[in-house]
Protein backbone atom coordinates (compact mmCIF):
# COMPACT_ATOMS: atom_id res chain seq x y z
CA UNK A 1 140.11 124.48 38.94
CA UNK A 2 138.18 121.42 40.08
CA UNK A 3 138.15 117.93 38.64
CA UNK A 4 136.39 114.65 39.49
CA UNK A 5 136.24 113.71 43.15
CA UNK A 6 139.46 112.02 44.31
CA UNK A 7 138.72 109.68 47.23
CA UNK A 8 141.16 108.98 50.04
CA UNK A 9 141.25 105.23 49.37
CA UNK A 10 138.77 103.34 47.22
CA UNK A 11 138.81 99.62 46.40
CA UNK A 12 140.58 98.35 43.29
CA UNK A 13 138.11 96.16 41.39
CA UNK A 14 139.82 94.52 38.43
CA UNK A 15 139.84 90.79 39.22
CA UNK A 16 137.40 87.92 39.70
CA UNK A 17 135.02 89.78 42.03
CA UNK A 18 131.98 89.58 39.74
CA UNK A 19 132.74 85.98 38.76
CA UNK A 20 132.99 84.77 42.36
CA UNK A 21 129.95 86.75 43.50
CA UNK A 22 127.93 85.29 40.65
CA UNK A 23 128.96 81.79 41.75
CA UNK A 24 127.76 82.52 45.30
CA UNK A 25 124.40 83.82 44.09
CA UNK A 26 123.86 81.13 41.46
CA UNK A 27 124.55 78.32 43.94
CA UNK A 28 122.85 80.10 46.87
CA UNK A 29 126.09 79.91 48.87
CA UNK A 30 125.77 83.28 50.57
CA UNK A 31 126.59 82.42 54.18
CA UNK A 32 128.62 79.22 53.77
CA UNK A 33 130.55 77.95 50.76
CA UNK A 34 133.88 77.13 49.16
CA UNK A 35 135.05 80.73 48.87
CA UNK A 36 135.54 81.01 52.63
CA UNK A 37 137.94 78.06 52.59
CA UNK A 38 139.73 79.35 49.49
CA UNK A 39 140.11 82.82 50.97
CA UNK A 40 141.43 81.43 54.24
CA UNK A 41 143.95 79.24 52.37
CA UNK A 42 145.13 82.18 50.28
CA UNK A 43 145.61 84.29 53.41
CA UNK A 44 147.63 81.48 54.94
CA UNK A 45 149.81 81.24 51.82
CA UNK A 46 150.53 84.97 51.79
CA UNK A 47 151.10 85.46 55.51
CA UNK A 48 152.51 82.01 56.39
CA UNK A 49 150.06 81.95 59.29
CA UNK A 50 149.13 78.31 59.84
CA UNK A 51 145.68 78.79 61.34
CA UNK A 52 143.94 82.02 60.24
CA UNK A 53 140.38 82.56 61.48
CA UNK A 54 138.01 84.63 59.34
CA UNK A 55 135.90 87.12 61.29
CA UNK A 56 133.35 89.86 60.68
CA UNK A 57 135.86 92.72 60.89
CA UNK A 58 139.19 93.62 62.46
CA UNK A 59 137.50 95.14 65.51
CA UNK A 60 135.74 91.88 66.36
CA UNK A 61 139.03 90.11 65.66
CA UNK A 62 140.90 92.27 68.18
CA UNK A 63 138.14 91.76 70.74
CA UNK A 64 138.36 87.99 70.29
CA UNK A 65 142.16 88.19 70.65
CA UNK A 66 141.73 89.83 74.04
CA UNK A 67 139.05 87.31 75.06
CA UNK A 68 140.97 84.14 74.18
CA UNK A 69 144.08 85.54 75.91
CA UNK A 70 141.99 85.81 79.08
CA UNK A 71 141.75 89.59 79.41
CA UNK A 72 139.81 90.09 82.62
CA UNK A 73 137.67 92.93 83.85
CA UNK A 74 139.84 95.64 85.41
CA UNK A 75 142.99 94.46 83.61
CA UNK A 76 145.10 97.00 81.75
CA UNK A 77 146.20 96.89 78.11
CA UNK A 78 148.99 99.09 76.75
CA UNK A 79 148.19 100.92 73.49
CA UNK A 80 149.56 103.76 71.35
CA UNK A 81 147.79 107.11 71.48
CA UNK A 82 147.76 107.48 67.68
CA UNK A 83 145.51 104.81 66.16
CA UNK A 84 141.95 104.39 64.95
CA UNK A 85 139.83 104.35 68.08
CA UNK A 86 138.62 100.76 67.52
CA UNK A 87 141.99 99.57 68.87
CA UNK A 88 141.09 101.25 72.16
CA UNK A 89 137.37 100.51 72.28
CA UNK A 90 137.89 96.74 72.24
CA UNK A 91 139.68 97.04 75.56
CA UNK A 92 136.64 98.67 77.13
CA UNK A 93 134.40 95.95 75.64
CA UNK A 94 136.31 93.58 77.96
CA UNK A 95 135.84 95.87 80.96
CA UNK A 96 139.59 96.56 80.94
CA UNK A 97 141.51 99.85 80.85
CA UNK A 98 143.90 101.28 78.23
CA UNK A 99 147.27 102.74 79.20
CA UNK A 100 148.45 105.16 76.49
CA UNK A 101 151.98 105.33 75.07
CA UNK A 102 153.63 107.82 72.75
CA UNK A 103 154.41 107.02 69.09
CA UNK A 104 157.56 107.20 66.99
CA UNK A 105 158.24 108.99 63.69
CA UNK A 106 156.32 106.30 61.77
CA UNK A 107 153.20 106.78 63.94
CA UNK A 108 153.82 103.41 65.59
CA UNK A 109 153.98 102.84 69.35
CA UNK A 110 157.24 104.06 70.86
CA UNK A 111 158.72 100.79 72.09
CA UNK A 112 161.61 102.51 73.89
CA UNK A 113 159.19 104.46 76.09
CA UNK A 114 157.02 101.37 76.47
CA UNK A 115 160.03 99.34 77.64
CA UNK A 116 160.95 102.16 80.00
CA UNK A 117 157.43 102.07 81.44
CA UNK A 118 157.49 98.29 81.90
CA UNK A 119 160.88 98.38 83.62
CA UNK A 120 160.33 101.42 85.85
CA UNK A 121 156.59 101.65 86.44
CA UNK A 122 155.53 98.04 87.03
CA UNK A 123 156.15 95.24 89.51
CA UNK A 124 155.78 91.46 89.44
CA UNK A 125 153.46 89.40 91.61
CA UNK A 126 152.36 85.75 91.30
CA UNK A 127 153.81 85.48 87.81
CA UNK A 128 152.05 88.58 86.43
CA UNK A 129 152.90 92.25 85.95
CA UNK A 130 151.13 95.08 87.78
CA UNK A 131 151.05 98.84 87.29
CA UNK A 132 152.66 100.60 90.28
CA UNK A 133 150.31 103.57 89.95
CA UNK A 134 146.96 101.76 89.58
CA UNK A 135 147.82 98.33 91.08
CA UNK A 136 146.03 96.73 88.12
CA UNK A 137 147.37 93.73 86.21
CA UNK A 138 148.78 94.50 82.75
CA UNK A 139 147.70 91.54 80.63
CA UNK A 140 148.49 92.62 77.05
CA UNK A 141 149.89 95.22 74.71
CA UNK A 142 148.19 96.01 71.40
CA UNK A 143 150.88 97.01 68.91
CA UNK A 144 149.29 98.88 66.01
CA UNK A 145 150.99 98.87 62.61
CA UNK A 146 149.84 102.17 61.12
CA UNK A 147 149.37 102.96 57.43
CA UNK A 148 151.15 99.76 56.38
CA UNK A 149 154.30 100.65 58.37
CA UNK A 150 155.31 98.05 60.92
CA UNK A 151 156.23 98.66 64.54
CA UNK A 152 159.74 97.48 65.31
CA UNK A 153 158.91 94.34 67.32
CA UNK A 154 162.50 93.39 68.02
CA UNK A 155 163.62 90.44 70.14
CA UNK A 156 164.58 92.50 73.18
CA UNK A 157 161.08 93.94 73.46
CA UNK A 158 159.40 90.59 72.84
CA UNK A 159 161.62 88.97 75.47
CA UNK A 160 160.75 91.72 77.94
CA UNK A 161 157.02 91.12 77.38
CA UNK A 162 157.54 87.38 77.77
CA UNK A 163 159.45 87.92 81.01
CA UNK A 164 156.63 90.15 82.25
CA UNK A 165 153.88 87.67 81.14
CA UNK A 166 152.36 90.31 78.86
CA UNK A 167 150.69 89.13 75.65
CA UNK A 168 151.65 90.91 72.42
CA UNK A 169 148.67 91.41 70.09
CA UNK A 170 149.26 92.95 66.67
CA UNK A 171 146.63 95.28 65.25
CA UNK A 172 147.65 94.79 61.63
CA UNK A 173 144.38 96.23 60.31
CA UNK A 174 146.15 98.28 57.63
CA UNK A 175 149.07 95.97 56.92
CA UNK A 176 147.99 93.20 54.58
CA UNK A 177 151.05 92.64 52.41
CA UNK A 178 153.55 94.34 54.78
CA UNK A 179 156.52 92.27 55.94
CA UNK A 180 159.34 92.38 58.46
CA UNK A 181 162.75 91.92 56.84
CA UNK A 182 165.38 89.80 58.58
CA UNK A 183 168.29 88.88 56.36
CA UNK A 184 166.84 86.81 53.53
CA UNK A 185 163.68 86.06 55.53
CA UNK A 186 160.35 87.90 55.56
CA UNK A 187 157.65 87.75 58.25
CA UNK A 188 154.16 89.06 57.62
CA UNK A 189 152.54 91.65 59.87
CA UNK A 190 150.43 89.97 62.54
CA UNK A 191 152.55 86.83 62.80
CA UNK A 192 155.14 87.99 65.35
CA UNK A 193 153.00 88.35 68.48
CA UNK A 194 150.64 85.86 70.10
CA UNK A 195 147.84 86.91 67.72
CA UNK A 196 147.31 89.45 64.95
CA UNK A 197 144.17 90.94 63.42
CA UNK A 198 143.87 92.25 59.85
CA UNK A 199 141.07 94.34 58.33
CA UNK A 200 139.34 93.80 55.00
CA UNK A 201 137.19 96.91 55.31
CA UNK A 202 136.19 98.76 52.15
CA UNK A 203 139.07 101.23 52.45
CA UNK A 204 141.85 98.66 52.93
CA UNK A 205 144.43 97.44 50.45
CA UNK A 206 142.49 94.16 50.16
CA UNK A 207 138.78 94.37 50.89
CA UNK A 208 135.95 91.91 51.35
CA UNK A 209 133.52 94.85 51.69
CA UNK A 210 133.84 94.38 55.44
CA UNK A 211 135.65 91.54 57.13
CA UNK A 212 138.81 90.55 58.90
CA UNK A 213 141.07 87.70 59.88
CA UNK A 214 142.90 86.72 63.06
CA UNK A 215 146.34 85.26 62.38
CA UNK A 216 147.82 82.58 64.62
CA UNK A 217 150.08 79.54 64.49
CA UNK A 218 148.31 78.11 67.51
CA UNK A 219 145.52 75.72 66.53
CA UNK A 220 143.98 75.83 70.02
CA UNK A 221 143.64 79.63 69.83
CA UNK A 222 142.16 79.41 66.32
CA UNK A 223 139.61 76.86 67.48
CA UNK A 224 138.65 79.04 70.44
CA UNK A 225 138.28 82.14 68.25
CA UNK A 226 136.06 80.33 65.74
CA UNK A 227 134.03 78.84 68.58
CA UNK A 228 133.31 82.26 70.08
CA UNK A 229 132.75 83.84 66.65
CA UNK A 230 130.04 81.26 65.91
CA UNK A 231 127.91 81.86 69.02
CA UNK A 232 129.88 79.37 71.16
CA UNK A 233 127.71 76.55 69.88
CA UNK A 234 128.52 73.21 71.51
CA UNK A 235 125.71 71.20 69.94
CA UNK A 236 124.25 72.06 66.54
CA UNK A 237 121.29 69.73 66.85
CA UNK A 238 120.02 70.86 70.24
CA UNK A 239 121.54 74.38 70.31
CA UNK A 240 123.63 73.93 73.44
CA UNK A 241 125.83 76.89 74.40
CA UNK A 242 128.21 76.53 77.34
CA UNK A 243 129.74 80.00 76.95
CA UNK A 244 128.63 83.42 75.75
CA UNK A 245 129.44 83.65 72.06
CA UNK A 246 129.13 86.22 69.28
CA UNK A 247 127.92 86.45 65.70
CA UNK A 248 131.36 87.40 64.36
CA UNK A 249 131.82 84.95 61.47
CA UNK A 250 132.52 86.10 57.92
CA UNK A 251 129.98 85.19 55.25
CA UNK A 252 130.94 83.29 52.11
CA UNK A 253 129.81 86.17 49.90
CA UNK A 254 132.22 88.52 51.68
CA UNK A 255 134.97 85.91 51.42
CA UNK A 256 134.34 85.68 47.67
CA UNK A 257 135.15 89.36 47.27
CA UNK A 258 138.21 89.02 49.50
CA UNK A 259 139.46 86.04 47.51
CA UNK A 260 139.28 87.98 44.24
CA UNK A 261 141.05 90.91 45.89
CA UNK A 262 143.92 89.00 47.46
CA UNK A 263 144.65 87.31 44.13
CA UNK A 264 145.80 90.74 42.93
CA UNK A 265 147.67 91.78 46.08
CA UNK A 266 151.11 91.99 44.45
CA UNK A 267 149.76 94.03 41.55
CA UNK A 268 148.02 96.45 43.92
CA UNK A 269 151.15 96.92 46.06
CA UNK A 270 153.31 97.56 42.97
CA UNK A 271 150.86 100.23 41.80
CA UNK A 272 150.79 101.82 45.24
CA UNK A 273 154.59 101.90 45.50
CA UNK A 274 154.72 103.88 42.24
CA UNK A 275 152.14 106.32 43.66
CA UNK A 276 154.23 106.78 46.81
CA UNK A 277 157.41 107.44 44.81
CA UNK A 278 155.55 109.93 42.61
CA UNK A 279 154.33 111.79 45.70
CA UNK A 280 157.87 111.85 47.14
CA UNK A 281 159.28 113.30 43.92
CA UNK A 282 156.63 115.95 43.42
CA UNK A 283 156.21 117.06 47.05
CA UNK A 284 159.97 117.45 47.56
CA UNK A 285 159.85 120.63 45.48
CA UNK A 286 157.50 122.35 47.96
CA UNK A 287 159.23 124.17 50.78
CA UNK A 288 158.02 122.98 54.18
CA UNK A 289 156.43 119.73 52.99
CA UNK A 290 157.68 116.17 52.70
CA UNK A 291 156.25 112.65 52.73
CA UNK A 292 156.56 110.27 55.66
CA UNK A 293 158.98 107.51 54.74
CA UNK A 294 158.96 103.83 55.72
CA UNK A 295 160.93 101.92 58.37
CA UNK A 296 164.21 100.37 57.25
CA UNK A 297 163.40 97.03 58.91
CA UNK A 298 160.19 96.33 56.97
CA UNK A 299 158.60 96.23 53.55
CA UNK A 300 155.52 98.45 53.42
CA UNK A 301 152.30 97.89 51.48
CA UNK A 302 152.12 101.69 50.93
CA UNK A 303 148.51 101.79 52.10
CA UNK A 304 148.11 105.51 52.86
CA UNK A 305 150.51 108.31 51.95
CA UNK A 306 151.18 110.73 54.82
CA UNK A 307 152.13 114.35 54.19
CA UNK A 308 154.27 116.07 56.86
CA UNK A 309 154.04 119.82 57.36
CA UNK A 310 156.76 121.84 59.07
CA UNK A 311 157.11 125.47 60.10
CA UNK A 312 158.54 126.56 56.76
CA UNK A 313 155.27 125.85 54.96
CA UNK A 314 153.16 128.97 54.43
CA UNK A 315 149.76 127.43 55.27
CA UNK A 316 148.36 125.75 58.38
CA UNK A 317 147.26 122.13 58.40
CA UNK A 318 143.60 123.11 58.71
CA UNK A 319 143.77 125.59 55.83
CA UNK A 320 145.51 123.02 53.63
CA UNK A 321 142.86 120.40 54.44
CA UNK A 322 140.14 122.91 53.63
CA UNK A 323 141.74 123.86 50.30
CA UNK A 324 142.20 120.23 49.27
CA UNK A 325 138.63 119.23 50.09
CA UNK A 326 137.20 122.33 48.39
CA UNK A 327 138.93 121.05 45.27
CA UNK A 328 137.22 117.64 45.60
CA UNK A 329 140.36 116.02 46.98
CA UNK A 330 139.45 113.86 49.97
CA UNK A 331 142.33 114.49 52.35
CA UNK A 332 141.95 114.09 56.10
CA UNK A 333 143.85 114.60 59.30
CA UNK A 334 145.70 111.84 61.03
CA UNK A 335 143.71 110.48 64.00
CA UNK A 336 143.11 112.69 67.01
CA UNK A 337 145.24 111.37 69.91
CA UNK A 338 143.15 108.87 71.85
CA UNK A 339 144.48 109.87 75.26
CA UNK A 340 142.69 113.20 74.64
CA UNK A 341 139.40 111.65 73.50
CA UNK A 342 136.52 112.36 75.89
CA UNK A 343 135.92 108.69 76.94
CA UNK A 344 139.64 108.18 77.71
CA UNK A 345 140.89 111.45 79.22
CA UNK A 346 141.03 109.94 82.70
CA UNK A 347 143.11 106.93 81.64
CA UNK A 348 146.83 106.86 82.32
CA UNK A 349 149.21 108.12 79.65
CA UNK A 350 153.00 107.91 79.75
CA UNK A 351 155.43 110.55 78.45
CA UNK A 352 153.32 111.46 75.41
CA UNK A 353 154.99 114.17 73.34
CA UNK A 354 155.35 113.24 69.66
CA UNK A 355 151.72 112.08 69.32
CA UNK A 356 150.50 115.62 69.88
CA UNK A 357 152.98 117.12 67.39
CA UNK A 358 152.12 114.52 64.75
CA UNK A 359 148.43 115.28 65.00
CA UNK A 360 149.13 118.97 64.39
CA UNK A 361 151.27 118.38 61.31
CA UNK A 362 150.33 115.17 59.46
CA UNK A 363 147.74 114.78 56.69
CA UNK A 364 146.52 111.64 54.89
CA UNK A 365 146.57 112.05 51.10
CA UNK A 366 144.55 110.11 48.48
CA UNK A 367 146.19 106.75 47.90
CA UNK A 368 143.91 104.53 45.78
CA UNK A 369 145.92 102.13 43.64
CA UNK A 370 144.32 103.43 40.44
CA UNK A 371 145.47 107.05 40.93
CA UNK A 372 147.08 108.41 37.77
CA UNK A 373 150.07 110.73 37.50
CA UNK A 374 147.72 113.54 36.47
CA UNK A 375 145.72 113.00 39.68
CA UNK A 376 148.82 113.27 41.82
CA UNK A 377 149.98 116.35 39.88
CA UNK A 378 146.58 117.94 40.48
CA UNK A 379 146.79 117.20 44.21
CA UNK A 380 150.36 118.51 44.50
CA UNK A 381 149.55 121.65 42.52
């Protein structure tokens, strides 16, 4: 029996979106206006990032992170195999090369294997770290926080990267509202490394219909990012450009949507937590299936719910996906491992095992914040 189409993750529109958009249109403040400043301030309040920089999307944000941290052509950047491919493509935009690492049970980069690689497979020269195999300089690592779950960026790993002069960039695209827990303190995703980039794409927990933000506590880095995002303009009157810039700024009309969305962030996360707990309860009764849980060291935003299939389940992943979608339930596979993607097959990968198993057995289930119990029951049935 079919019912209305259940999307994987649609925006929650129940705030001041129409009000703020009307203000933009009425005052003709489409590109520039107060909503950009208000949105940026609200992001700063939520994340405790002192100098956030609004950008066109998370991909452009990640690219700018690499640029302002002086990623050079032929450098290498360490990345997890399981992630949306944009995290990898930005490296190639810089003329650099990805080095692929395995992931852990939460689909985040395996930091134990990464540490092992840095200790055993690299050497130091002139204050930088080089790959023994390729002889290329390793300038950064992009740590991706997947599905709202945070990678365990503990002090030992951060100190190792510092010792090796390797920048830590956080791809927090999916992690608006996710926090590290440390005693009574909380630290927002994207604020631990040198820079972090968050997405406000239409399918994210907070959307601006397309958009992103780079988080930093370094005013110099923020200024450089905004400079490059605004065409590297050195003189507005005479249009002087001393560097190559980009049209990566976020418009005021997009910021207006984002502002209305982030005002309801806590409400959205509370709704999504209830959806996750409902899935856990209902799926637990099915032999061979269970839901991916969340790391003990962080507070998730519950962005996407991940179903895990094991050998006891009577159907294959592909058959289950087919059945769900035939019933108008938009489920999809987890990302195909990037070290196996055609453009990246020749790049180095290191001890990748779990990534391949995860791809074969994990499915993304519908997770919109407005899902009702009857929707989840329908999906589970």
